[in-house]
N, C-alpha and C. Protein backbone atom coordinates (compact mmCIF):
# COMPACT_ATOMS: atom_id res chain seq x y z
N MET A 1 0.74 -1.21 -0.14
CA MET A 1 0.07 0.16 0.08
C MET A 1 0.97 1.39 -0.03
N ASN A 2 2.22 1.07 0.34
CA ASN A 2 3.00 2.29 0.51
C ASN A 2 3.11 3.11 -0.86
N SER A 3 3.18 2.19 -1.97
CA SER A 3 3.47 2.94 -3.27
C SER A 3 2.07 3.30 -3.83
N ILE A 4 0.91 2.81 -3.43
CA ILE A 4 -0.27 3.28 -3.80
C ILE A 4 -0.71 4.61 -3.15
N LEU A 5 -0.19 4.74 -1.88
CA LEU A 5 -0.41 5.92 -1.17
C LEU A 5 0.49 7.08 -1.63
N TYR A 6 1.70 6.73 -1.98
CA TYR A 6 2.52 7.78 -2.61
C TYR A 6 1.97 8.13 -4.01
N ALA A 7 1.45 7.23 -4.80
CA ALA A 7 0.93 7.75 -6.01
C ALA A 7 -0.22 8.56 -6.01
N ALA A 8 -1.12 8.33 -4.99
CA ALA A 8 -2.27 9.15 -4.86
C ALA A 8 -1.91 10.48 -4.41
N PHE A 9 -0.66 10.48 -3.47
CA PHE A 9 -0.29 11.70 -2.90
C PHE A 9 0.32 12.46 -4.17
N LYS A 10 1.06 12.07 -5.03
CA LYS A 10 1.71 12.78 -6.13
C LYS A 10 0.54 13.28 -7.04
N TYR A 11 -0.44 12.67 -7.34
CA TYR A 11 -1.61 12.92 -7.90
C TYR A 11 -2.22 14.24 -7.34
N ALA A 12 -2.57 14.25 -6.00
CA ALA A 12 -3.23 15.44 -5.43
C ALA A 12 -2.30 16.59 -5.03
N LEU A 13 -1.00 16.36 -4.97
CA LEU A 13 -0.17 17.42 -4.56
C LEU A 13 -0.39 18.53 -5.85
N GLY A 14 -0.69 19.86 -5.27
CA GLY A 14 -0.77 20.93 -6.34
C GLY A 14 -2.14 21.08 -6.87
N ARG A 15 -2.94 19.93 -6.72
CA ARG A 15 -4.29 20.22 -7.31
C ARG A 15 -5.07 21.11 -6.33
N THR A 16 -6.03 21.65 -6.80
CA THR A 16 -7.18 22.37 -6.08
C THR A 16 -8.51 21.94 -6.28
N SER A 17 -8.70 20.80 -5.67
CA SER A 17 -10.00 19.95 -5.82
C SER A 17 -10.26 19.46 -4.43
N TYR A 18 -11.44 18.60 -4.29
CA TYR A 18 -11.72 17.95 -3.09
C TYR A 18 -10.63 17.07 -2.65
N CYS A 19 -9.96 16.36 -3.74
CA CYS A 19 -9.07 15.25 -3.55
C CYS A 19 -8.01 15.77 -2.51
N VAL A 20 -7.65 16.95 -2.34
CA VAL A 20 -6.42 17.43 -1.49
C VAL A 20 -6.97 17.12 -0.04
N PHE A 21 -8.30 17.65 0.30
CA PHE A 21 -8.83 17.34 1.53
C PHE A 21 -8.96 15.87 1.93
N ASP A 22 -9.39 15.28 0.81
CA ASP A 22 -9.74 13.75 0.94
C ASP A 22 -8.34 12.93 1.16
N LEU A 23 -7.51 13.17 0.26
CA LEU A 23 -6.20 12.53 0.48
C LEU A 23 -5.32 12.82 1.66
N THR A 24 -5.26 14.24 2.22
CA THR A 24 -4.62 14.38 3.44
C THR A 24 -5.22 13.82 4.60
N ARG A 25 -6.54 13.67 4.54
CA ARG A 25 -7.41 12.91 5.61
C ARG A 25 -6.71 11.35 5.69
N ILE A 26 -6.55 10.70 4.55
CA ILE A 26 -6.39 9.57 4.41
C ILE A 26 -4.99 9.24 4.76
N LEU A 27 -4.08 10.12 4.51
CA LEU A 27 -2.72 10.19 4.72
C LEU A 27 -2.38 10.14 6.21
N LYS A 28 -3.17 10.89 6.83
CA LYS A 28 -3.02 10.93 8.48
C LYS A 28 -3.55 9.70 9.16
N LYS A 29 -4.76 9.23 8.60
CA LYS A 29 -5.45 7.94 9.17
C LYS A 29 -4.38 6.78 8.97
N TYR A 30 -3.80 6.72 8.00
CA TYR A 30 -2.91 5.52 7.55
C TYR A 30 -1.61 5.70 7.31
N ARG A 31 -1.12 6.64 8.22
CA ARG A 31 0.39 6.96 8.26
C ARG A 31 1.04 5.81 8.47
N GLY A 32 0.58 4.85 9.37
CA GLY A 32 1.46 3.63 9.79
C GLY A 32 1.63 2.63 8.53
N HIS A 33 1.21 2.90 7.32
CA HIS A 33 1.43 2.06 6.22
C HIS A 33 2.30 2.59 5.39
N LEU A 34 2.97 3.89 5.72
CA LEU A 34 4.07 4.48 4.98
C LEU A 34 5.33 4.08 5.54
N THR A 35 6.47 3.89 4.69
CA THR A 35 7.78 3.80 5.12
C THR A 35 8.39 4.91 5.39
N GLU A 36 9.41 4.89 6.14
CA GLU A 36 10.06 6.35 6.64
C GLU A 36 10.67 6.97 5.49
N GLY A 37 11.23 6.12 4.33
CA GLY A 37 11.57 6.82 3.17
C GLY A 37 10.52 7.53 2.44
N THR A 38 9.26 6.88 2.34
CA THR A 38 8.33 7.61 1.81
C THR A 38 7.85 9.00 2.36
N ILE A 39 7.90 8.78 3.76
CA ILE A 39 7.31 9.92 4.49
C ILE A 39 8.48 11.00 4.33
N SER A 40 9.76 10.74 4.35
CA SER A 40 10.71 11.83 3.94
C SER A 40 10.57 12.32 2.59
N GLN A 41 10.19 11.46 1.58
CA GLN A 41 9.85 12.03 0.12
C GLN A 41 8.77 12.88 0.16
N MET A 42 7.69 12.64 0.91
CA MET A 42 6.63 13.32 0.92
C MET A 42 6.78 14.67 1.46
N VAL A 43 7.61 14.74 2.54
CA VAL A 43 7.78 15.93 3.15
C VAL A 43 8.79 16.83 2.41
N THR A 44 9.61 16.15 1.56
CA THR A 44 10.38 17.06 0.60
C THR A 44 9.53 17.51 -0.36
N ASP A 45 8.74 16.55 -0.88
CA ASP A 45 7.68 17.23 -2.13
C ASP A 45 6.82 18.27 -1.72
N ILE A 46 6.39 18.25 -0.47
CA ILE A 46 5.52 19.25 0.11
C ILE A 46 6.29 20.60 0.24
N ASN A 47 7.59 20.45 0.83
CA ASN A 47 8.53 21.76 0.99
C ASN A 47 8.93 22.34 -0.41
N THR A 48 9.22 21.48 -1.28
CA THR A 48 9.56 21.96 -2.66
C THR A 48 8.18 22.76 -3.20
N ALA A 49 7.14 22.04 -3.22
CA ALA A 49 5.85 22.66 -3.72
C ALA A 49 5.53 24.01 -3.02
N GLU A 50 5.65 24.05 -1.73
CA GLU A 50 5.44 25.39 -1.07
C GLU A 50 6.42 26.22 -1.30
N LYS A 51 7.55 26.06 -1.53
CA LYS A 51 8.66 27.05 -2.09
C LYS A 51 8.43 27.60 -3.61
N GLU A 52 7.82 26.60 -4.28
CA GLU A 52 7.43 27.12 -5.89
C GLU A 52 5.88 27.53 -5.85
N ASP A 53 5.32 27.87 -4.63
CA ASP A 53 3.89 28.26 -4.69
C ASP A 53 3.09 27.46 -5.36
N ARG A 54 3.25 25.94 -5.24
CA ARG A 54 2.29 24.99 -5.87
C ARG A 54 1.32 24.19 -5.01
N LEU A 55 0.94 24.84 -3.82
CA LEU A 55 0.19 24.01 -3.03
C LEU A 55 -1.25 24.18 -3.26
N GLY A 56 -1.49 25.01 -4.08
CA GLY A 56 -3.03 25.27 -4.25
C GLY A 56 -3.68 26.41 -3.60
N HIS A 57 -4.84 26.49 -3.45
CA HIS A 57 -5.53 27.44 -2.61
C HIS A 57 -5.21 27.63 -1.32
N ASP A 58 -5.56 28.74 -0.52
CA ASP A 58 -5.19 28.47 0.87
C ASP A 58 -5.84 27.68 1.65
N CYS A 59 -6.95 26.99 1.40
CA CYS A 59 -7.38 25.83 2.19
C CYS A 59 -6.50 24.80 1.76
N ASP A 60 -6.03 24.55 0.50
CA ASP A 60 -5.21 23.43 0.18
C ASP A 60 -3.71 23.55 0.93
N VAL A 61 -3.30 24.77 0.94
CA VAL A 61 -2.13 24.99 1.60
C VAL A 61 -2.17 24.59 3.10
N LYS A 62 -3.14 24.92 3.65
CA LYS A 62 -3.51 24.41 5.12
C LYS A 62 -3.34 22.99 5.25
N ASP A 63 -4.02 22.28 4.34
CA ASP A 63 -4.26 20.91 4.47
C ASP A 63 -2.80 20.23 4.31
N TRP A 64 -2.01 20.61 3.20
CA TRP A 64 -0.66 20.04 2.96
C TRP A 64 0.21 20.30 4.05
N LEU A 65 0.09 21.68 4.49
CA LEU A 65 1.07 21.87 5.72
C LEU A 65 0.57 21.12 6.87
N GLY A 66 -0.50 20.95 7.31
CA GLY A 66 -1.05 20.02 8.43
C GLY A 66 -0.65 18.64 8.20
N VAL A 67 -0.66 18.16 7.00
CA VAL A 67 -0.37 16.76 6.86
C VAL A 67 1.47 16.55 7.00
N ARG A 68 1.94 17.71 6.43
CA ARG A 68 3.62 17.67 6.58
C ARG A 68 4.02 17.52 8.09
N ASP A 69 3.23 18.53 8.67
CA ASP A 69 3.60 18.62 10.37
C ASP A 69 3.19 17.43 10.93
N PHE A 70 2.03 16.66 10.53
CA PHE A 70 1.84 15.41 11.16
C PHE A 70 2.73 14.37 10.70
N LEU A 71 3.29 14.28 9.56
CA LEU A 71 4.27 13.20 9.08
C LEU A 71 5.38 13.32 9.80
N LEU A 72 5.74 14.65 10.19
CA LEU A 72 6.99 14.87 10.83
C LEU A 72 6.92 14.58 12.35
N SER A 73 5.79 14.51 13.00
CA SER A 73 5.61 14.20 14.37
C SER A 73 5.71 12.86 14.67
N PRO A 74 6.08 12.39 15.85
CA PRO A 74 6.30 11.10 16.26
C PRO A 74 5.05 10.31 16.02
N LEU A 75 4.99 9.05 15.66
CA LEU A 75 3.82 8.43 15.44
C LEU A 75 3.45 7.76 16.98
N VAL A 76 2.22 8.27 17.38
CA VAL A 76 1.83 8.00 18.69
C VAL A 76 1.16 6.46 18.86
N THR A 77 0.61 6.22 17.96
CA THR A 77 0.03 4.86 18.01
C THR A 77 0.23 4.19 16.68
N ASN A 78 0.38 2.88 16.55
CA ASN A 78 0.67 2.00 15.47
C ASN A 78 -0.55 1.78 14.69
N HIS A 79 -0.83 2.34 13.47
CA HIS A 79 -2.16 1.76 12.66
C HIS A 79 -1.65 0.94 11.57
N LEU A 80 -0.53 0.27 11.66
CA LEU A 80 -0.22 -0.68 10.54
C LEU A 80 -1.18 -1.56 10.39
N GLY A 81 -1.86 -2.19 11.35
CA GLY A 81 -2.86 -3.25 11.29
C GLY A 81 -4.23 -2.75 10.96
N GLU A 82 -4.64 -1.50 10.77
CA GLU A 82 -5.75 -0.65 10.59
C GLU A 82 -6.23 -1.12 9.20
N GLU A 83 -7.44 -1.55 8.88
CA GLU A 83 -8.03 -1.97 7.72
C GLU A 83 -8.35 -0.78 7.00
N PHE A 84 -8.26 -0.68 5.65
CA PHE A 84 -8.69 0.38 4.96
C PHE A 84 -10.24 0.28 4.78
N GLU A 85 -11.01 1.74 4.92
CA GLU A 85 -12.31 1.60 4.64
C GLU A 85 -12.58 1.67 3.26
N GLN A 86 -13.85 1.15 2.91
CA GLN A 86 -14.19 1.19 1.53
C GLN A 86 -14.12 2.52 0.83
N GLY A 87 -14.74 3.63 1.51
CA GLY A 87 -14.51 4.88 0.82
C GLY A 87 -13.18 5.32 0.72
N ASP A 88 -12.15 5.12 1.67
CA ASP A 88 -10.63 5.30 1.45
C ASP A 88 -10.03 4.58 0.36
N LEU A 89 -10.50 3.21 0.34
CA LEU A 89 -9.99 2.52 -0.76
C LEU A 89 -10.37 3.06 -2.11
N ASP A 90 -11.56 3.40 -2.19
CA ASP A 90 -12.14 4.03 -3.62
C ASP A 90 -11.32 5.26 -3.92
N SER A 91 -10.97 6.06 -2.95
CA SER A 91 -10.29 7.32 -3.38
C SER A 91 -9.04 7.01 -3.49
N LEU A 92 -8.14 6.04 -2.99
CA LEU A 92 -6.90 5.87 -3.21
C LEU A 92 -6.68 5.21 -4.59
N PHE A 93 -7.56 4.35 -4.89
CA PHE A 93 -7.70 3.74 -6.24
C PHE A 93 -7.68 4.64 -7.30
N ILE A 94 -8.64 5.49 -7.23
CA ILE A 94 -8.76 6.50 -8.26
C ILE A 94 -7.73 7.37 -8.37
N TYR A 95 -7.12 8.08 -7.32
CA TYR A 95 -5.97 9.01 -7.22
C TYR A 95 -4.82 8.40 -7.78
N SER A 96 -4.56 7.16 -7.37
CA SER A 96 -3.34 6.50 -7.79
C SER A 96 -3.43 6.16 -9.21
N MET A 97 -4.46 5.72 -9.66
CA MET A 97 -4.75 5.27 -10.93
C MET A 97 -4.60 6.54 -11.96
N ARG A 98 -5.05 7.68 -11.44
CA ARG A 98 -4.89 8.84 -12.22
C ARG A 98 -3.43 9.35 -12.28
N TYR A 99 -2.76 9.33 -11.19
CA TYR A 99 -1.38 9.65 -11.17
C TYR A 99 -0.61 8.64 -12.19
N PHE A 100 -0.69 7.35 -12.23
CA PHE A 100 -0.06 6.54 -13.06
C PHE A 100 -0.45 6.75 -14.52
N LEU A 101 -1.71 7.00 -14.92
CA LEU A 101 -2.10 7.48 -16.26
C LEU A 101 -1.27 8.77 -16.49
N LYS A 102 -1.29 9.69 -15.57
CA LYS A 102 -0.50 10.87 -16.00
C LYS A 102 0.94 10.74 -16.28
N VAL A 103 1.63 9.85 -15.64
CA VAL A 103 3.17 9.72 -15.92
C VAL A 103 3.22 8.33 -16.80
N ASN A 104 2.25 7.86 -17.27
CA ASN A 104 2.21 6.91 -18.27
C ASN A 104 2.96 5.55 -17.85
N GLU A 105 2.86 5.16 -16.71
CA GLU A 105 3.42 4.07 -16.18
C GLU A 105 2.45 3.24 -15.16
N VAL A 106 2.65 2.08 -14.98
CA VAL A 106 2.07 1.35 -14.00
C VAL A 106 3.00 0.52 -13.36
N ASN A 107 2.78 0.24 -11.97
CA ASN A 107 3.88 -0.54 -11.33
C ASN A 107 3.16 -1.90 -10.78
N GLU A 108 3.83 -2.75 -10.54
CA GLU A 108 3.34 -4.05 -9.93
C GLU A 108 2.50 -3.95 -8.69
N ASP A 109 2.59 -3.00 -7.97
CA ASP A 109 1.77 -2.66 -6.83
C ASP A 109 0.18 -2.28 -7.36
N MET A 110 0.19 -1.39 -8.48
CA MET A 110 -1.04 -1.07 -8.99
C MET A 110 -1.70 -2.25 -9.63
N ALA A 111 -1.10 -2.85 -10.24
CA ALA A 111 -1.66 -4.26 -11.14
C ALA A 111 -2.25 -5.08 -9.79
N ALA A 112 -1.51 -5.35 -8.81
CA ALA A 112 -1.94 -6.17 -7.64
C ALA A 112 -3.07 -5.56 -6.96
N PHE A 113 -3.07 -4.18 -6.68
CA PHE A 113 -4.14 -3.56 -6.17
C PHE A 113 -5.42 -3.61 -6.95
N ALA A 114 -5.20 -3.43 -8.33
CA ALA A 114 -6.39 -3.81 -9.01
C ALA A 114 -6.91 -5.24 -9.12
N ARG A 115 -6.13 -6.18 -9.06
CA ARG A 115 -6.55 -7.53 -9.01
C ARG A 115 -7.33 -7.79 -7.52
N ALA A 116 -6.67 -7.30 -6.66
CA ALA A 116 -7.19 -7.65 -5.16
C ALA A 116 -8.51 -6.83 -4.98
N TYR A 117 -8.58 -5.74 -5.59
CA TYR A 117 -9.59 -4.61 -5.25
C TYR A 117 -10.83 -4.72 -6.07
N LYS A 118 -10.68 -5.38 -7.40
CA LYS A 118 -11.71 -5.27 -8.47
C LYS A 118 -13.06 -5.82 -7.98
N PHE A 119 -13.27 -6.81 -7.04
CA PHE A 119 -14.53 -7.20 -6.70
C PHE A 119 -15.24 -6.22 -5.76
N SER A 120 -14.57 -5.13 -5.14
CA SER A 120 -15.25 -4.25 -4.36
C SER A 120 -15.36 -2.90 -5.08
N ILE A 121 -15.03 -2.76 -6.29
CA ILE A 121 -15.01 -1.55 -6.99
C ILE A 121 -16.79 -1.32 -7.52
N SER A 122 -17.04 -0.25 -6.91
CA SER A 122 -18.45 0.02 -7.32
C SER A 122 -18.65 0.33 -8.75
N ALA A 123 -19.81 -0.14 -9.44
CA ALA A 123 -20.12 -0.24 -10.83
C ALA A 123 -19.76 1.29 -11.33
N HIS A 124 -19.94 2.27 -10.65
CA HIS A 124 -19.80 3.76 -11.09
C HIS A 124 -18.23 3.99 -11.25
N LEU A 125 -17.60 3.60 -10.25
CA LEU A 125 -16.17 3.68 -10.32
C LEU A 125 -15.48 2.74 -11.32
N ARG A 126 -16.12 1.68 -11.53
CA ARG A 126 -15.46 0.92 -12.49
C ARG A 126 -15.80 1.45 -14.03
N VAL A 127 -16.77 2.06 -14.26
CA VAL A 127 -17.00 2.58 -15.59
C VAL A 127 -16.13 3.79 -15.66
N LEU A 128 -15.94 4.63 -14.64
CA LEU A 128 -15.16 5.91 -14.61
C LEU A 128 -13.69 5.47 -15.00
N LEU A 129 -13.08 4.38 -14.20
CA LEU A 129 -11.89 4.00 -14.48
C LEU A 129 -11.48 3.35 -15.89
N LEU A 130 -12.43 2.63 -16.31
CA LEU A 130 -12.38 2.06 -17.61
C LEU A 130 -12.35 2.99 -18.71
N ARG A 131 -13.16 4.13 -18.71
CA ARG A 131 -13.22 5.10 -19.68
C ARG A 131 -11.97 5.96 -19.59
N GLU A 132 -11.37 6.31 -18.22
CA GLU A 132 -10.11 6.97 -18.30
C GLU A 132 -8.95 6.15 -18.75
N ILE A 133 -8.90 4.94 -18.62
CA ILE A 133 -7.69 4.19 -19.11
C ILE A 133 -7.90 3.94 -20.54
N SER A 134 -8.99 3.78 -21.10
CA SER A 134 -9.46 3.56 -22.34
C SER A 134 -9.13 4.74 -23.28
N ASP A 135 -9.46 5.85 -22.67
CA ASP A 135 -9.24 7.30 -23.38
C ASP A 135 -7.91 7.76 -23.41
N HIS A 136 -6.97 7.20 -22.78
CA HIS A 136 -5.68 7.43 -22.65
C HIS A 136 -4.93 6.77 -23.66
N MET A 137 -4.86 7.38 -24.84
CA MET A 137 -4.37 6.75 -26.10
C MET A 137 -2.89 6.25 -26.18
N THR A 138 -2.09 6.84 -25.18
CA THR A 138 -0.62 6.38 -25.28
C THR A 138 -0.63 4.99 -24.52
N LEU A 139 -1.54 4.47 -23.85
CA LEU A 139 -1.49 3.35 -23.01
C LEU A 139 -2.01 2.18 -23.88
N ARG A 140 -2.53 2.27 -24.92
CA ARG A 140 -2.85 1.42 -25.86
C ARG A 140 -1.72 0.32 -26.23
N GLY A 141 -1.83 -0.78 -25.82
CA GLY A 141 -0.73 -1.76 -26.15
C GLY A 141 0.18 -2.00 -24.83
N HIS A 142 0.15 -1.14 -24.00
CA HIS A 142 1.00 -1.32 -22.89
C HIS A 142 0.53 -2.39 -22.08
N PRO A 143 1.40 -3.55 -22.01
CA PRO A 143 1.11 -4.88 -21.51
C PRO A 143 0.50 -4.60 -19.92
N GLU A 144 1.20 -3.89 -19.10
CA GLU A 144 0.77 -3.72 -17.78
C GLU A 144 -0.68 -3.13 -17.73
N TRP A 145 -0.75 -2.10 -18.38
CA TRP A 145 -1.96 -1.31 -18.44
C TRP A 145 -3.16 -2.12 -18.95
N MET A 146 -2.93 -2.91 -19.94
CA MET A 146 -3.96 -3.78 -20.64
C MET A 146 -4.26 -4.86 -19.55
N SER A 147 -3.26 -5.25 -18.60
CA SER A 147 -3.68 -6.13 -17.64
C SER A 147 -4.44 -5.60 -16.54
N VAL A 148 -4.17 -4.50 -16.31
CA VAL A 148 -5.05 -3.62 -15.34
C VAL A 148 -6.35 -3.48 -15.81
N LEU A 149 -6.54 -2.91 -17.06
CA LEU A 149 -8.00 -2.96 -17.61
C LEU A 149 -8.62 -4.32 -17.66
N ARG A 150 -8.05 -5.37 -18.05
CA ARG A 150 -8.75 -6.68 -18.10
C ARG A 150 -9.19 -7.15 -16.65
N GLU A 151 -8.20 -6.58 -15.56
CA GLU A 151 -8.78 -7.14 -14.27
C GLU A 151 -9.97 -6.41 -13.86
N ILE A 152 -10.18 -4.97 -14.15
CA ILE A 152 -11.18 -4.26 -13.93
C ILE A 152 -12.34 -4.59 -14.63
N GLN A 153 -12.19 -5.09 -15.88
CA GLN A 153 -13.47 -5.43 -16.71
C GLN A 153 -13.95 -6.84 -16.37
N SER A 154 -13.14 -7.61 -15.74
CA SER A 154 -13.64 -8.97 -15.54
C SER A 154 -14.28 -8.93 -14.28
C-alpha cells in the first residue's frame, strides 16, 4: 500500500480540488502504512511545492502543511494493522490510477491492487476507470495497463 499511497499523494499534490482534503485525511489516518523513506520524500515534495507556490488555494495549503507537520511528528499509535475503509480505498484507487495514467506508467503494486480490489469497485467507479484508461491513447498496447484494464473489466 505504500506505493499506492505515494502515487495518490503525487496525484493530489498541487491540485485545487476535493481530492486534497480527502487525501490528506487518508494520509493522516493510514500513516502507519508508509515507510520512513516515503514519509521523507512526501515532506520534501511538500516543501518543494510550498517554495514554488504550488500547494493550491489557501485551504489546500493549510491541508498540505497540516499533513507535513503530522508526518514529521512522532507516531503515537501504530496504525499498521488498521484496515482500509471502503471509501478510502475508492479514493486511493482513483487517485493513484490517475497519477499512473498521468506519468504513463504502471507498477506491480498498482496491478496487484487492481486484482485484489476489483471485486469491491463500485459499478460507477469501474465505468469511470475503464473510460479513463481506455481514453488514454498512449497506453494502448502497454501490457501492464492492458492487464489492469482486463482485471477491472472481469
